[in-house]
Amino acid sequence: MTTPLARRIARMERDAAAHAVHDGEDARLRRRFEGLVPLIPIDSLRQLRDSLCARGRGEPPTAAQVAAEEKLAILLETGAWPA
């Protein structure tokens, strides 16, 4: 026979498990990227946005957009925005 306290503890454990963060690869990548975004200069963020839009329209990215993409790759690898 379970006591009211034991039932309450079991309920709290179930609730905690239901709200636990499932740390999959996508979640880890998202947290890492969110932590790195403040390191990207605003002009480069605009270039990255414009590059995605251009690619979505089937247009090639500009040289500045390609450079921003390359710097983003370095940031993801090293954790530092290249000069």
PDB file of N, CA and C in Angstrom:
ATOM      1  N   MET A   1       0.846  -1.178   0.000  1.00  0.00           N
ATOM      2  CA  MET A   1       0.000   0.000   0.000  1.00  0.00           C
ATOM      3  C   MET A   1       0.892   1.243   0.000  1.00  0.00           C
ATOM      4  N   THR A   2       0.569   2.183  -0.886  1.00  0.00           N
ATOM      5  CA  THR A   2       1.390   3.384  -0.983  1.00  0.00           C
ATOM      6  C   THR A   2       0.777   4.497  -0.148  1.00  0.00           C
ATOM      7  N   THR A   3       1.649   5.303   0.366  1.00  0.00           N
ATOM      8  CA  THR A   3       1.206   6.443   1.175  1.00  0.00           C
ATOM      9  C   THR A   3       0.925   7.629   0.264  1.00  0.00           C
ATOM     10  N   PRO A   4       0.179   8.609   0.773  1.00  0.00           N
ATOM     11  CA  PRO A   4      -0.054   9.807  -0.039  1.00  0.00           C
ATOM     12  C   PRO A   4       1.254  10.483  -0.454  1.00  0.00           C
ATOM     13  N   LEU A   5       2.235  10.458   0.416  1.00  0.00           N
ATOM     14  CA  LEU A   5       3.520  11.077   0.087  1.00  0.00           C
ATOM     15  C   LEU A   5       4.195  10.323  -1.055  1.00  0.00           C
ATOM     16  N   ALA A   6       4.190   8.999  -1.013  1.00  0.00           N
ATOM     17  CA  ALA A   6       4.805   8.203  -2.077  1.00  0.00           C
ATOM     18  C   ALA A   6       4.088   8.435  -3.401  1.00  0.00           C
ATOM     19  N   ARG A   7       2.750   8.535  -3.377  1.00  0.00           N
ATOM     20  CA  ARG A   7       2.004   8.805  -4.605  1.00  0.00           C
ATOM     21  C   ARG A   7       2.360  10.183  -5.155  1.00  0.00           C
ATOM     22  N   ARG A   8       2.477  11.155  -4.262  1.00  0.00           N
ATOM     23  CA  ARG A   8       2.829  12.504  -4.705  1.00  0.00           C
ATOM     24  C   ARG A   8       4.220  12.529  -5.321  1.00  0.00           C
ATOM     25  N   ILE A   9       5.166  11.844  -4.714  1.00  0.00           N
ATOM     26  CA  ILE A   9       6.528  11.784  -5.249  1.00  0.00           C
ATOM     27  C   ILE A   9       6.522  11.110  -6.619  1.00  0.00           C
ATOM     28  N   ALA A  10       5.768  10.016  -6.743  1.00  0.00           N
ATOM     29  CA  ALA A  10       5.692   9.322  -8.035  1.00  0.00           C
ATOM     30  C   ALA A  10       5.099  10.237  -9.098  1.00  0.00           C
ATOM     31  N   ARG A  11       4.064  10.990  -8.744  1.00  0.00           N
ATOM     32  CA  ARG A  11       3.439  11.917  -9.692  1.00  0.00           C
ATOM     33  C   ARG A  11       4.424  13.012 -10.097  1.00  0.00           C
ATOM     34  N   MET A  12       5.169  13.539  -9.138  1.00  0.00           N
ATOM     35  CA  MET A  12       6.158  14.580  -9.438  1.00  0.00           C
ATOM     36  C   MET A  12       7.253  14.030 -10.358  1.00  0.00           C
ATOM     37  N   GLU A  13       7.675  12.790 -10.128  1.00  0.00           N
ATOM     38  CA  GLU A  13       8.698  12.189 -10.983  1.00  0.00           C
ATOM     39  C   GLU A  13       8.175  12.001 -12.406  1.00  0.00           C
ATOM     40  N   ARG A  14       6.916  11.574 -12.555  1.00  0.00           N
ATOM     41  CA  ARG A  14       6.329  11.430 -13.886  1.00  0.00           C
ATOM     42  C   ARG A  14       6.242  12.772 -14.583  1.00  0.00           C
ATOM     43  N   ASP A  15       5.805  13.801 -13.844  1.00  0.00           N
ATOM     44  CA  ASP A  15       5.701  15.139 -14.433  1.00  0.00           C
ATOM     45  C   ASP A  15       7.072  15.656 -14.867  1.00  0.00           C
ATOM     46  N   ALA A  16       8.082  15.423 -14.040  1.00  0.00           N
ATOM     47  CA  ALA A  16       9.432  15.880 -14.376  1.00  0.00           C
ATOM     48  C   ALA A  16       9.942  15.164 -15.621  1.00  0.00           C
ATOM     49  N   ALA A  17       9.675  13.876 -15.731  1.00  0.00           N
ATOM     50  CA  ALA A  17      10.122  13.123 -16.902  1.00  0.00           C
ATOM     51  C   ALA A  17       9.418  13.603 -18.162  1.00  0.00           C
ATOM     52  N   ALA A  18       8.149  13.964 -18.025  1.00  0.00           N
ATOM     53  CA  ALA A  18       7.399  14.441 -19.190  1.00  0.00           C
ATOM     54  C   ALA A  18       7.931  15.770 -19.694  1.00  0.00           C
ATOM     55  N   HIS A  19       8.509  16.577 -18.807  1.00  0.00           N
ATOM     56  CA  HIS A  19       9.009  17.889 -19.190  1.00  0.00           C
ATOM     57  C   HIS A  19      10.520  17.923 -19.338  1.00  0.00           C
ATOM     58  N   ALA A  20      11.156  16.766 -19.272  1.00  0.00           N
ATOM     59  CA  ALA A  20      12.613  16.713 -19.387  1.00  0.00           C
ATOM     60  C   ALA A  20      13.037  17.114 -20.792  1.00  0.00           C
ATOM     61  N   VAL A  21      14.181  17.749 -20.873  1.00  0.00           N
ATOM     62  CA  VAL A  21      14.735  18.140 -22.169  1.00  0.00           C
ATOM     63  C   VAL A  21      15.362  16.909 -22.800  1.00  0.00           C
ATOM     64  N   HIS A  22      14.883  16.561 -23.966  1.00  0.00           N
ATOM     65  CA  HIS A  22      15.457  15.439 -24.691  1.00  0.00           C
ATOM     66  C   HIS A  22      16.582  15.994 -25.543  1.00  0.00           C
ATOM     67  N   ASP A  23      17.783  15.627 -25.192  1.00  0.00           N
ATOM     68  CA  ASP A  23      18.974  16.242 -25.772  1.00  0.00           C
ATOM     69  C   ASP A  23      19.419  15.499 -27.021  1.00  0.00           C
ATOM     70  N   GLY A  24      18.647  15.643 -28.084  1.00  0.00           N
ATOM     71  CA  GLY A  24      19.013  15.028 -29.350  1.00  0.00           C
ATOM     72  C   GLY A  24      20.009  15.892 -30.089  1.00  0.00           C
ATOM     73  N   GLU A  25      20.482  15.384 -31.194  1.00  0.00           N
ATOM     74  CA  GLU A  25      21.478  16.110 -31.989  1.00  0.00           C
ATOM     75  C   GLU A  25      20.931  17.456 -32.461  1.00  0.00           C
ATOM     76  N   ASP A  26      19.678  17.497 -32.880  1.00  0.00           N
ATOM     77  CA  ASP A  26      19.085  18.756 -33.344  1.00  0.00           C
ATOM     78  C   ASP A  26      19.038  19.790 -32.224  1.00  0.00           C
ATOM     79  N   ALA A  27      18.661  19.360 -31.029  1.00  0.00           N
ATOM     80  CA  ALA A  27      18.579  20.287 -29.898  1.00  0.00           C
ATOM     81  C   ALA A  27      19.965  20.815 -29.533  1.00  0.00           C
ATOM     82  N   ARG A  28      20.962  19.940 -29.550  1.00  0.00           N
ATOM     83  CA  ARG A  28      22.333  20.390 -29.235  1.00  0.00           C
ATOM     84  C   ARG A  28      22.833  21.375 -30.278  1.00  0.00           C
ATOM     85  N   LEU A  29      22.569  21.091 -31.551  1.00  0.00           N
ATOM     86  CA  LEU A  29      23.000  21.992 -32.615  1.00  0.00           C
ATOM     87  C   LEU A  29      22.314  23.346 -32.483  1.00  0.00           C
ATOM     88  N   ARG A  30      21.014  23.330 -32.186  1.00  0.00           N
ATOM     89  CA  ARG A  30      20.277  24.586 -32.034  1.00  0.00           C
ATOM     90  C   ARG A  30      20.836  25.417 -30.870  1.00  0.00           C
ATOM     91  N   ARG A  31      21.084  24.774 -29.721  1.00  0.00           N
ATOM     92  CA  ARG A  31      21.637  25.518 -28.578  1.00  0.00           C
ATOM     93  C   ARG A  31      23.015  26.072 -28.910  1.00  0.00           C
ATOM     94  N   ARG A  32      23.830  25.272 -29.586  1.00  0.00           N
ATOM     95  CA  ARG A  32      25.175  25.750 -29.951  1.00  0.00           C
ATOM     96  C   ARG A  32      25.067  26.946 -30.889  1.00  0.00           C
ATOM     97  N   PHE A  33      24.212  26.843 -31.887  1.00  0.00           N
ATOM     98  CA  PHE A  33      24.060  27.936 -32.848  1.00  0.00           C
ATOM     99  C   PHE A  33      23.516  29.184 -32.160  1.00  0.00           C
ATOM    100  N   GLU A  34      22.526  29.017 -31.286  1.00  0.00           N
ATOM    101  CA  GLU A  34      21.963  30.171 -30.577  1.00  0.00           C
ATOM    102  C   GLU A  34      23.019  30.855 -29.718  1.00  0.00           C
ATOM    103  N   GLY A  35      23.940  30.084 -29.177  1.00  0.00           N
ATOM    104  CA  GLY A  35      25.006  30.666 -28.371  1.00  0.00           C
ATOM    105  C   GLY A  35      26.037  31.406 -29.202  1.00  0.00           C
ATOM    106  N   LEU A  36      26.165  31.036 -30.474  1.00  0.00           N
ATOM    107  CA  LEU A  36      27.174  31.647 -31.342  1.00  0.00           C
ATOM    108  C   LEU A  36      26.646  32.843 -32.120  1.00  0.00           C
ATOM    109  N   VAL A  37      25.343  32.939 -32.295  1.00  0.00           N
ATOM    110  CA  VAL A  37      24.763  34.024 -33.096  1.00  0.00           C
ATOM    111  C   VAL A  37      25.216  35.407 -32.613  1.00  0.00           C
ATOM    112  N   PRO A  38      25.301  35.667 -31.303  1.00  0.00           N
ATOM    113  CA  PRO A  38      25.750  36.995 -30.879  1.00  0.00           C
ATOM    114  C   PRO A  38      27.169  37.358 -31.336  1.00  0.00           C
ATOM    115  N   LEU A  39      27.949  36.360 -31.739  1.00  0.00           N
ATOM    116  CA  LEU A  39      29.316  36.628 -32.200  1.00  0.00           C
ATOM    117  C   LEU A  39      29.375  37.073 -33.656  1.00  0.00           C
ATOM    118  N   ILE A  40      28.262  36.911 -34.386  1.00  0.00           N
ATOM    119  CA  ILE A  40      28.246  37.233 -35.809  1.00  0.00           C
ATOM    120  C   ILE A  40      27.904  38.713 -35.995  1.00  0.00           C
ATOM    121  N   PRO A  41      28.750  39.462 -36.685  1.00  0.00           N
ATOM    122  CA  PRO A  41      28.443  40.870 -36.938  1.00  0.00           C
ATOM    123  C   PRO A  41      27.133  41.006 -37.724  1.00  0.00           C
ATOM    124  N   ILE A  42      26.398  42.072 -37.459  1.00  0.00           N
ATOM    125  CA  ILE A  42      25.088  42.263 -38.071  1.00  0.00           C
ATOM    126  C   ILE A  42      25.165  42.300 -39.599  1.00  0.00           C
ATOM    127  N   ASP A  43      26.210  42.887 -40.139  1.00  0.00           N
ATOM    128  CA  ASP A  43      26.351  42.915 -41.602  1.00  0.00           C
ATOM    129  C   ASP A  43      26.473  41.499 -42.168  1.00  0.00           C
ATOM    130  N   SER A  44      27.185  40.643 -41.461  1.00  0.00           N
ATOM    131  CA  SER A  44      27.328  39.259 -41.914  1.00  0.00           C
ATOM    132  C   SER A  44      26.012  38.505 -41.773  1.00  0.00           C
ATOM    133  N   LEU A  45      25.259  38.796 -40.711  1.00  0.00           N
ATOM    134  CA  LEU A  45      23.938  38.171 -40.571  1.00  0.00           C
ATOM    135  C   LEU A  45      23.048  38.541 -41.754  1.00  0.00           C
ATOM    136  N   ARG A  46      23.133  39.795 -42.175  1.00  0.00           N
ATOM    137  CA  ARG A  46      22.342  40.225 -43.334  1.00  0.00           C
ATOM    138  C   ARG A  46      22.789  39.500 -44.602  1.00  0.00           C
ATOM    139  N   GLN A  47      24.097  39.341 -44.757  1.00  0.00           N
ATOM    140  CA  GLN A  47      24.616  38.628 -45.928  1.00  0.00           C
ATOM    141  C   GLN A  47      24.149  37.165 -45.925  1.00  0.00           C
ATOM    142  N   LEU A  48      24.157  36.542 -44.736  1.00  0.00           N
ATOM    143  CA  LEU A  48      23.697  35.158 -44.636  1.00  0.00           C
ATOM    144  C   LEU A  48      22.213  35.049 -44.970  1.00  0.00           C
ATOM    145  N   ARG A  49      21.424  35.986 -44.463  1.00  0.00           N
ATOM    146  CA  ARG A  49      19.991  36.015 -44.774  1.00  0.00           C
ATOM    147  C   ARG A  49      19.773  36.185 -46.276  1.00  0.00           C
ATOM    148  N   ASP A  50      20.482  37.141 -46.870  1.00  0.00           N
ATOM    149  CA  ASP A  50      20.330  37.397 -48.306  1.00  0.00           C
ATOM    150  C   ASP A  50      20.785  36.204 -49.139  1.00  0.00           C
ATOM    151  N   SER A  51      21.804  35.502 -48.657  1.00  0.00           N
ATOM    152  CA  SER A  51      22.281  34.314 -49.357  1.00  0.00           C
ATOM    153  C   SER A  51      21.207  33.231 -49.369  1.00  0.00           C
ATOM    154  N   LEU A  52      20.567  33.015 -48.230  1.00  0.00           N
ATOM    155  CA  LEU A  52      19.493  32.020 -48.169  1.00  0.00           C
ATOM    156  C   LEU A  52      18.338  32.398 -49.090  1.00  0.00           C
ATOM    157  N   CYS A  53      17.996  33.670 -49.103  1.00  0.00           N
ATOM    158  CA  CYS A  53      16.913  34.139 -49.974  1.00  0.00           C
ATOM    159  C   CYS A  53      17.285  33.951 -51.436  1.00  0.00           C
ATOM    160  N   ALA A  54      18.518  34.300 -51.797  1.00  0.00           N
ATOM    161  CA  ALA A  54      18.970  34.162 -53.187  1.00  0.00           C
ATOM    162  C   ALA A  54      18.939  32.696 -53.613  1.00  0.00           C
ATOM    163  N   ARG A  55      19.432  31.825 -52.753  1.00  0.00           N
ATOM    164  CA  ARG A  55      19.432  30.396 -53.084  1.00  0.00           C
ATOM    165  C   ARG A  55      18.002  29.880 -53.214  1.00  0.00           C
ATOM    166  N   GLY A  56      17.103  30.393 -52.373  1.00  0.00           N
ATOM    167  CA  GLY A  56      15.703  29.994 -52.459  1.00  0.00           C
ATOM    168  C   GLY A  56      15.061  30.398 -53.781  1.00  0.00           C
ATOM    169  N   ARG A  57      15.535  31.505 -54.347  1.00  0.00           N
ATOM    170  CA  ARG A  57      15.029  31.962 -55.653  1.00  0.00           C
ATOM    171  C   ARG A  57      15.776  31.314 -56.817  1.00  0.00           C
ATOM    172  N   GLY A  58      16.785  30.485 -56.492  1.00  0.00           N
ATOM    173  CA  GLY A  58      17.562  29.839 -57.540  1.00  0.00           C
ATOM    174  C   GLY A  58      18.683  30.703 -58.075  1.00  0.00           C
ATOM    175  N   GLU A  59      19.003  31.780 -57.370  1.00  0.00           N
ATOM    176  CA  GLU A  59      20.078  32.681 -57.795  1.00  0.00           C
ATOM    177  C   GLU A  59      21.366  32.318 -57.062  1.00  0.00           C
ATOM    178  N   PRO A  60      22.499  32.537 -57.714  1.00  0.00           N
ATOM    179  CA  PRO A  60      23.764  32.274 -57.025  1.00  0.00           C
ATOM    180  C   PRO A  60      24.049  33.372 -55.990  1.00  0.00           C
ATOM    181  N   PRO A  61      24.704  33.014 -54.891  1.00  0.00           N
ATOM    182  CA  PRO A  61      25.054  34.031 -53.901  1.00  0.00           C
ATOM    183  C   PRO A  61      26.173  34.937 -54.413  1.00  0.00           C
ATOM    184  N   THR A  62      26.229  36.150 -53.883  1.00  0.00           N
ATOM    185  CA  THR A  62      27.292  37.079 -54.242  1.00  0.00           C
ATOM    186  C   THR A  62      28.585  36.660 -53.536  1.00  0.00           C
ATOM    187  N   ALA A  63      29.673  37.290 -53.916  1.00  0.00           N
ATOM    188  CA  ALA A  63      30.961  36.988 -53.285  1.00  0.00           C
ATOM    189  C   ALA A  63      30.920  37.305 -51.787  1.00  0.00           C
ATOM    190  N   ALA A  64      30.270  38.410 -51.415  1.00  0.00           N
ATOM    191  CA  ALA A  64      30.167  38.776 -50.000  1.00  0.00           C
ATOM    192  C   ALA A  64      29.339  37.749 -49.227  1.00  0.00           C
ATOM    193  N   GLN A  65      28.311  37.216 -49.870  1.00  0.00           N
ATOM    194  CA  GLN A  65      27.480  36.208 -49.214  1.00  0.00           C
ATOM    195  C   GLN A  65      28.253  34.906 -49.026  1.00  0.00           C
ATOM    196  N   VAL A  66      29.021  34.531 -50.034  1.00  0.00           N
ATOM    197  CA  VAL A  66      29.851  33.321 -49.925  1.00  0.00           C
ATOM    198  C   VAL A  66      30.885  33.498 -48.818  1.00  0.00           C
ATOM    199  N   ALA A  67      31.476  34.679 -48.728  1.00  0.00           N
ATOM    200  CA  ALA A  67      32.458  34.947 -47.677  1.00  0.00           C
ATOM    201  C   ALA A  67      31.816  34.827 -46.297  1.00  0.00           C
ATOM    202  N   ALA A  68      30.593  35.322 -46.143  1.00  0.00           N
ATOM    203  CA  ALA A  68      29.892  35.220 -44.858  1.00  0.00           C
ATOM    204  C   ALA A  68      29.598  33.756 -44.524  1.00  0.00           C
ATOM    205  N   GLU A  69      29.232  32.965 -45.537  1.00  0.00           N
ATOM    206  CA  GLU A  69      28.978  31.540 -45.322  1.00  0.00           C
ATOM    207  C   GLU A  69      30.254  30.825 -44.866  1.00  0.00           C
ATOM    208  N   GLU A  70      31.383  31.180 -45.484  1.00  0.00           N
ATOM    209  CA  GLU A  70      32.651  30.565 -45.104  1.00  0.00           C
ATOM    210  C   GLU A  70      33.036  30.934 -43.676  1.00  0.00           C
ATOM    211  N   LYS A  71      32.796  32.186 -43.303  1.00  0.00           N
ATOM    212  CA  LYS A  71      33.096  32.603 -41.931  1.00  0.00           C
ATOM    213  C   LYS A  71      32.171  31.906 -40.937  1.00  0.00           C
ATOM    214  N   LEU A  72      30.931  31.685 -41.333  1.00  0.00           N
ATOM    215  CA  LEU A  72      29.998  30.967 -40.466  1.00  0.00           C
ATOM    216  C   LEU A  72      30.495  29.543 -40.237  1.00  0.00           C
ATOM    217  N   ALA A  73      30.991  28.895 -41.278  1.00  0.00           N
ATOM    218  CA  ALA A  73      31.532  27.541 -41.127  1.00  0.00           C
ATOM    219  C   ALA A  73      32.701  27.528 -40.150  1.00  0.00           C
ATOM    220  N   ILE A  74      33.562  28.538 -40.228  1.00  0.00           N
ATOM    221  CA  ILE A  74      34.690  28.639 -39.293  1.00  0.00           C
ATOM    222  C   ILE A  74      34.181  28.842 -37.872  1.00  0.00           C
ATOM    223  N   LEU A  75      33.177  29.700 -37.723  1.00  0.00           N
ATOM    224  CA  LEU A  75      32.599  29.939 -36.394  1.00  0.00           C
ATOM    225  C   LEU A  75      32.048  28.648 -35.801  1.00  0.00           C
ATOM    226  N   LEU A  76      31.342  27.866 -36.590  1.00  0.00           N
ATOM    227  CA  LEU A  76      30.776  26.625 -36.088  1.00  0.00           C
ATOM    228  C   LEU A  76      31.861  25.618 -35.702  1.00  0.00           C
ATOM    229  N   GLU A  77      32.988  25.648 -36.410  1.00  0.00           N
ATOM    230  CA  GLU A  77      34.086  24.726 -36.111  1.00  0.00           C
ATOM    231  C   GLU A  77      34.898  25.167 -34.907  1.00  0.00           C
ATOM    232  N   THR A  78      35.162  26.478 -34.821  1.00  0.00           N
ATOM    233  CA  THR A  78      36.104  26.963 -33.815  1.00  0.00           C
ATOM    234  C   THR A  78      35.470  27.679 -32.639  1.00  0.00           C
ATOM    235  N   GLY A  79      34.272  28.205 -32.824  1.00  0.00           N
ATOM    236  CA  GLY A  79      33.631  28.981 -31.768  1.00  0.00           C
ATOM    237  C   GLY A  79      34.041  30.439 -31.770  1.00  0.00           C
ATOM    238  N   ALA A  80      34.794  30.851 -32.790  1.00  0.00           N
ATOM    239  CA  ALA A  80      35.232  32.248 -32.872  1.00  0.00           C
ATOM    240  C   ALA A  80      34.985  32.760 -34.282  1.00  0.00           C
ATOM    241  N   TRP A  81      34.494  34.007 -34.364  1.00  0.00           N
ATOM    242  CA  TRP A  81      34.257  34.633 -35.674  1.00  0.00           C
ATOM    243  C   TRP A  81      35.596  35.087 -36.218  1.00  0.00           C
ATOM    244  N   PRO A  82      35.957  34.680 -37.441  1.00  0.00           N
ATOM    245  CA  PRO A  82      37.253  35.085 -37.992  1.00  0.00           C
ATOM    246  C   PRO A  82      37.293  36.574 -38.324  1.00  0.00           C
ATOM    247  N   ALA A  83      38.481  37.133 -38.213  1.00  0.00           N
ATOM    248  CA  ALA A  83      38.663  38.564 -38.502  1.00  0.00           C
ATOM    249  C   ALA A  83      38.624  38.841 -39.971  1.00  0.00           C
TER     250      ALA A  83
END
